[in-house]
PDB file of N, CA and C in Angstrom:
ATOM      1  N   MET A   1       0.410   7.712 -21.950  1.00  0.00           N
ATOM      2  CA  MET A   1       1.092   7.899 -21.135  1.00  0.00           C
ATOM      3  C   MET A   1       0.496   6.898 -19.846  1.00  0.00           C
ATOM      4  N   THR A   2       1.659   6.291 -19.830  1.00  0.00           N
ATOM      5  CA  THR A   2       1.495   5.233 -18.344  1.00  0.00           C
ATOM      6  C   THR A   2       1.400   5.541 -17.248  1.00  0.00           C
ATOM      7  N   GLU A   3       0.206   5.434 -16.427  1.00  0.00           N
ATOM      8  CA  GLU A   3       0.585   5.900 -15.355  1.00  0.00           C
ATOM      9  C   GLU A   3       1.156   5.009 -14.175  1.00  0.00           C
ATOM     10  N   LEU A   4       1.796   5.533 -13.304  1.00  0.00           N
ATOM     11  CA  LEU A   4       2.420   4.364 -12.392  1.00  0.00           C
ATOM     12  C   LEU A   4       1.668   4.495 -11.021  1.00  0.00           C
ATOM     13  N   ASN A   5       1.770   3.786 -10.161  1.00  0.00           N
ATOM     14  CA  ASN A   5       1.046   3.326  -9.202  1.00  0.00           C
ATOM     15  C   ASN A   5       1.796   3.159  -7.546  1.00  0.00           C
ATOM     16  N   LYS A   6       2.381   4.191  -6.966  1.00  0.00           N
ATOM     17  CA  LYS A   6       3.537   3.991  -6.288  1.00  0.00           C
ATOM     18  C   LYS A   6       2.691   3.164  -4.580  1.00  0.00           C
ATOM     19  N   ARG A   7       3.524   2.408  -4.152  1.00  0.00           N
ATOM     20  CA  ARG A   7       2.829   1.697  -3.116  1.00  0.00           C
ATOM     21  C   ARG A   7       3.790   1.200  -1.811  1.00  0.00           C
ATOM     22  N   ILE A   8       3.528   1.594  -0.407  1.00  0.00           N
ATOM     23  CA  ILE A   8       4.205   0.860   0.386  1.00  0.00           C
ATOM     24  C   ILE A   8       3.847  -0.582   0.794  1.00  0.00           C
ATOM     25  N   VAL A   9       5.182  -1.190   0.640  1.00  0.00           N
ATOM     26  CA  VAL A   9       4.578  -2.785   1.075  1.00  0.00           C
ATOM     27  C   VAL A   9       5.372  -3.190   2.543  1.00  0.00           C
ATOM     28  N   LEU A  10       4.576  -4.028   2.981  1.00  0.00           N
ATOM     29  CA  LEU A  10       5.216  -4.224   4.387  1.00  0.00           C
ATOM     30  C   LEU A  10       6.197  -5.272   3.661  1.00  0.00           C
ATOM     31  N   ALA A  11       7.779  -5.426   4.355  1.00  0.00           N
ATOM     32  CA  ALA A  11       8.534  -6.155   3.700  1.00  0.00           C
ATOM     33  C   ALA A  11       9.100  -7.339   4.427  1.00  0.00           C
ATOM     34  N   VAL A  12       8.749  -7.409   5.607  1.00  0.00           N
ATOM     35  CA  VAL A  12       8.746  -8.322   6.991  1.00  0.00           C
ATOM     36  C   VAL A  12       7.943  -8.127   7.914  1.00  0.00           C
ATOM     37  N   ARG A  13       7.543  -9.612   8.523  1.00  0.00           N
ATOM     38  CA  ARG A  13       6.650  -9.042   9.815  1.00  0.00           C
ATOM     39  C   ARG A  13       6.943  -8.582  10.853  1.00  0.00           C
ATOM     40  N   LEU A  14       6.228  -7.594  11.152  1.00  0.00           N
ATOM     41  CA  LEU A  14       6.663  -6.486  12.287  1.00  0.00           C
ATOM     42  C   LEU A  14       6.980  -6.870  13.464  1.00  0.00           C
ATOM     43  N   VAL A  15       8.256  -7.075  14.108  1.00  0.00           N
ATOM     44  CA  VAL A  15       8.377  -7.090  15.705  1.00  0.00           C
ATOM     45  C   VAL A  15       8.635  -6.014  16.576  1.00  0.00           C
ATOM     46  N   GLY A  16       8.083  -5.656  17.095  1.00  0.00           N
ATOM     47  CA  GLY A  16       8.068  -4.381  17.708  1.00  0.00           C
ATOM     48  C   GLY A  16       7.725  -2.956  17.503  1.00  0.00           C
ATOM     49  N   ARG A  17       8.553  -2.162  17.604  1.00  0.00           N
ATOM     50  CA  ARG A  17       8.507  -0.835  16.851  1.00  0.00           C
ATOM     51  C   ARG A  17       8.768  -1.033  15.432  1.00  0.00           C
ATOM     52  N   PRO A  18       7.906  -0.508  14.864  1.00  0.00           N
ATOM     53  CA  PRO A  18       8.294  -0.264  12.721  1.00  0.00           C
ATOM     54  C   PRO A  18       9.788   0.435  13.014  1.00  0.00           C
ATOM     55  N   GLN A  19      10.227   0.099  12.024  1.00  0.00           N
ATOM     56  CA  GLN A  19      11.532   0.568  11.420  1.00  0.00           C
ATOM     57  C   GLN A  19      11.553   0.540  10.033  1.00  0.00           C
ATOM     58  N   GLN A  20      12.102   1.538   9.473  1.00  0.00           N
ATOM     59  CA  GLN A  20      11.785   1.762   8.219  1.00  0.00           C
ATOM     60  C   GLN A  20      12.441   0.762   7.147  1.00  0.00           C
ATOM     61  N   THR A  21      13.180  -0.302   7.617  1.00  0.00           N
ATOM     62  CA  THR A  21      13.944  -1.520   6.868  1.00  0.00           C
ATOM     63  C   THR A  21      12.787  -2.295   6.790  1.00  0.00           C
ATOM     64  N   ASP A  22      11.365  -2.269   7.611  1.00  0.00           N
ATOM     65  CA  ASP A  22      10.185  -3.239   7.532  1.00  0.00           C
ATOM     66  C   ASP A  22       9.521  -2.703   6.599  1.00  0.00           C
ATOM     67  N   PHE A  23      10.054  -2.025   5.642  1.00  0.00           N
ATOM     68  CA  PHE A  23       8.915  -1.790   4.472  1.00  0.00           C
ATOM     69  C   PHE A  23      10.012  -1.240   3.199  1.00  0.00           C
ATOM     70  N   SER A  24       9.286  -1.781   2.069  1.00  0.00           N
ATOM     71  CA  SER A  24       9.927  -0.967   0.699  1.00  0.00           C
ATOM     72  C   SER A  24       8.697  -0.498  -0.354  1.00  0.00           C
ATOM     73  N   THR A  25       9.152   0.402  -1.306  1.00  0.00           N
ATOM     74  CA  THR A  25       8.243   1.052  -1.924  1.00  0.00           C
ATOM     75  C   THR A  25       8.367   0.433  -3.266  1.00  0.00           C
ATOM     76  N   GLU A  26       7.370   0.368  -3.925  1.00  0.00           N
ATOM     77  CA  GLU A  26       7.097  -0.074  -5.428  1.00  0.00           C
ATOM     78  C   GLU A  26       6.094   0.625  -6.545  1.00  0.00           C
ATOM     79  N   GLU A  27       6.897   0.610  -7.191  1.00  0.00           N
ATOM     80  CA  GLU A  27       5.834   1.312  -8.579  1.00  0.00           C
ATOM     81  C   GLU A  27       5.369   0.202  -9.678  1.00  0.00           C
ATOM     82  N   THR A  28       4.200   0.420  -9.806  1.00  0.00           N
ATOM     83  CA  THR A  28       3.505  -1.004 -10.665  1.00  0.00           C
ATOM     84  C   THR A  28       2.794   0.039 -11.655  1.00  0.00           C
ATOM     85  N   LYS A  29       2.584  -0.605 -12.914  1.00  0.00           N
ATOM     86  CA  LYS A  29       1.558  -0.244 -14.088  1.00  0.00           C
ATOM     87  C   LYS A  29      -0.003   0.254 -13.146  1.00  0.00           C
ATOM     88  N   MET A  30      -0.378   1.232 -13.550  1.00  0.00           N
ATOM     89  CA  MET A  30      -1.581   1.460 -12.837  1.00  0.00           C
ATOM     90  C   MET A  30      -2.962   0.724 -13.429  1.00  0.00           C
ATOM     91  N   PRO A  31      -3.491  -0.149 -12.773  1.00  0.00           N
ATOM     92  CA  PRO A  31      -4.546  -1.375 -13.213  1.00  0.00           C
ATOM     93  C   PRO A  31      -5.509  -0.899 -14.610  1.00  0.00           C
ATOM     94  N   GLU A  32      -6.012  -1.501 -15.105  1.00  0.00           N
ATOM     95  CA  GLU A  32      -7.421  -0.782 -15.913  1.00  0.00           C
ATOM     96  C   GLU A  32      -8.436  -1.208 -15.379  1.00  0.00           C
ATOM     97  N   PRO A  33      -9.802  -0.972 -15.297  1.00  0.00           N
ATOM     98  CA  PRO A  33     -10.721  -1.427 -14.272  1.00  0.00           C
ATOM     99  C   PRO A  33     -11.258  -1.998 -15.362  1.00  0.00           C
ATOM    100  N   ARG A  34     -12.169  -3.393 -15.169  1.00  0.00           N
ATOM    101  CA  ARG A  34     -12.631  -4.015 -15.907  1.00  0.00           C
ATOM    102  C   ARG A  34     -14.136  -3.912 -15.782  1.00  0.00           C
ATOM    103  N   ASP A  35     -15.284  -4.410 -16.271  1.00  0.00           N
ATOM    104  CA  ASP A  35     -16.395  -4.224 -16.301  1.00  0.00           C
ATOM    105  C   ASP A  35     -17.048  -4.530 -15.075  1.00  0.00           C
ATOM    106  N   GLY A  36     -17.658  -3.492 -14.435  1.00  0.00           N
ATOM    107  CA  GLY A  36     -18.379  -3.606 -13.115  1.00  0.00           C
ATOM    108  C   GLY A  36     -17.215  -3.148 -12.227  1.00  0.00           C
ATOM    109  N   GLU A  37     -16.157  -2.907 -12.372  1.00  0.00           N
ATOM    110  CA  GLU A  37     -15.134  -2.659 -11.176  1.00  0.00           C
ATOM    111  C   GLU A  37     -15.253  -0.873 -11.438  1.00  0.00           C
ATOM    112  N   VAL A  38     -14.348  -0.417 -10.331  1.00  0.00           N
ATOM    113  CA  VAL A  38     -14.101   1.109 -10.801  1.00  0.00           C
ATOM    114  C   VAL A  38     -12.692   1.466  -9.920  1.00  0.00           C
ATOM    115  N   LEU A  39     -12.083   2.321 -10.311  1.00  0.00           N
ATOM    116  CA  LEU A  39     -10.648   2.569  -9.710  1.00  0.00           C
ATOM    117  C   LEU A  39     -10.594   3.505  -8.788  1.00  0.00           C
ATOM    118  N   LEU A  40     -10.033   3.587  -7.935  1.00  0.00           N
ATOM    119  CA  LEU A  40     -10.211   4.491  -6.689  1.00  0.00           C
ATOM    120  C   LEU A  40      -9.006   5.514  -6.380  1.00  0.00           C
ATOM    121  N   GLU A  41      -9.067   6.040  -6.248  1.00  0.00           N
ATOM    122  CA  GLU A  41      -7.631   6.910  -5.645  1.00  0.00           C
ATOM    123  C   GLU A  41      -7.832   7.212  -4.123  1.00  0.00           C
ATOM    124  N   THR A  42      -6.410   6.915  -3.380  1.00  0.00           N
ATOM    125  CA  THR A  42      -6.826   6.947  -2.213  1.00  0.00           C
ATOM    126  C   THR A  42      -5.813   8.456  -1.325  1.00  0.00           C
ATOM    127  N   ILE A  43      -6.363   9.330  -1.036  1.00  0.00           N
ATOM    128  CA  ILE A  43      -6.109  10.331  -0.503  1.00  0.00           C
ATOM    129  C   ILE A  43      -5.386  10.466   0.614  1.00  0.00           C
ATOM    130  N   TYR A  44      -5.812  10.187   1.677  1.00  0.00           N
ATOM    131  CA  TYR A  44      -5.541   9.789   2.761  1.00  0.00           C
ATOM    132  C   TYR A  44      -5.834   8.458   3.678  1.00  0.00           C
ATOM    133  N   LEU A  45      -4.958   7.931   4.329  1.00  0.00           N
ATOM    134  CA  LEU A  45      -5.392   6.478   5.110  1.00  0.00           C
ATOM    135  C   LEU A  45      -4.649   6.590   6.342  1.00  0.00           C
ATOM    136  N   SER A  46      -5.335   6.511   7.418  1.00  0.00           N
ATOM    137  CA  SER A  46      -4.663   6.224   8.383  1.00  0.00           C
ATOM    138  C   SER A  46      -5.020   4.709   9.129  1.00  0.00           C
ATOM    139  N   LEU A  47      -3.588   4.553   9.656  1.00  0.00           N
ATOM    140  CA  LEU A  47      -3.312   2.945  10.198  1.00  0.00           C
ATOM    141  C   LEU A  47      -2.521   3.025  11.548  1.00  0.00           C
ATOM    142  N   ASP A  48      -3.714   2.960  12.057  1.00  0.00           N
ATOM    143  CA  ASP A  48      -3.663   2.858  13.829  1.00  0.00           C
ATOM    144  C   ASP A  48      -3.247   1.811  14.727  1.00  0.00           C
ATOM    145  N   PRO A  49      -2.564   2.062  15.567  1.00  0.00           N
ATOM    146  CA  PRO A  49      -1.698   1.106  16.135  1.00  0.00           C
ATOM    147  C   PRO A  49      -2.777   0.151  17.017  1.00  0.00           C
ATOM    148  N   TYR A  50      -4.161   0.261  17.147  1.00  0.00           N
ATOM    149  CA  TYR A  50      -4.932  -0.508  17.454  1.00  0.00           C
ATOM    150  C   TYR A  50      -5.312  -1.574  16.417  1.00  0.00           C
ATOM    151  N   MET A  51      -5.071  -1.132  15.061  1.00  0.00           N
ATOM    152  CA  MET A  51      -5.560  -2.190  14.141  1.00  0.00           C
ATOM    153  C   MET A  51      -4.322  -3.175  13.724  1.00  0.00           C
ATOM    154  N   ARG A  52      -3.481  -3.144  14.484  1.00  0.00           N
ATOM    155  CA  ARG A  52      -2.289  -4.311  13.908  1.00  0.00           C
ATOM    156  C   ARG A  52      -2.586  -5.694  15.169  1.00  0.00           C
ATOM    157  N   GLY A  53      -2.513  -6.930  14.340  1.00  0.00           N
ATOM    158  CA  GLY A  53      -2.944  -7.841  14.968  1.00  0.00           C
ATOM    159  C   GLY A  53      -1.775  -8.496  15.878  1.00  0.00           C
ATOM    160  N   ALA A  54      -2.093  -9.090  16.466  1.00  0.00           N
ATOM    161  CA  ALA A  54      -1.041  -9.821  17.086  1.00  0.00           C
ATOM    162  C   ALA A  54      -0.250 -11.008  16.878  1.00  0.00           C
TER     163      ALA A  54
END
């Protein structure tokens, strides 16, 4: 069974307040970790306004 990775991708550079059309969702095959690598599952991610670049 192949596991899929669902991710939210920035479709366009944000100008002003973010809108749903600024993002897209993608599903990709889960990568296999190579030697010396580890695969992590992100459970919670916080993106705060102050982290947004000018």
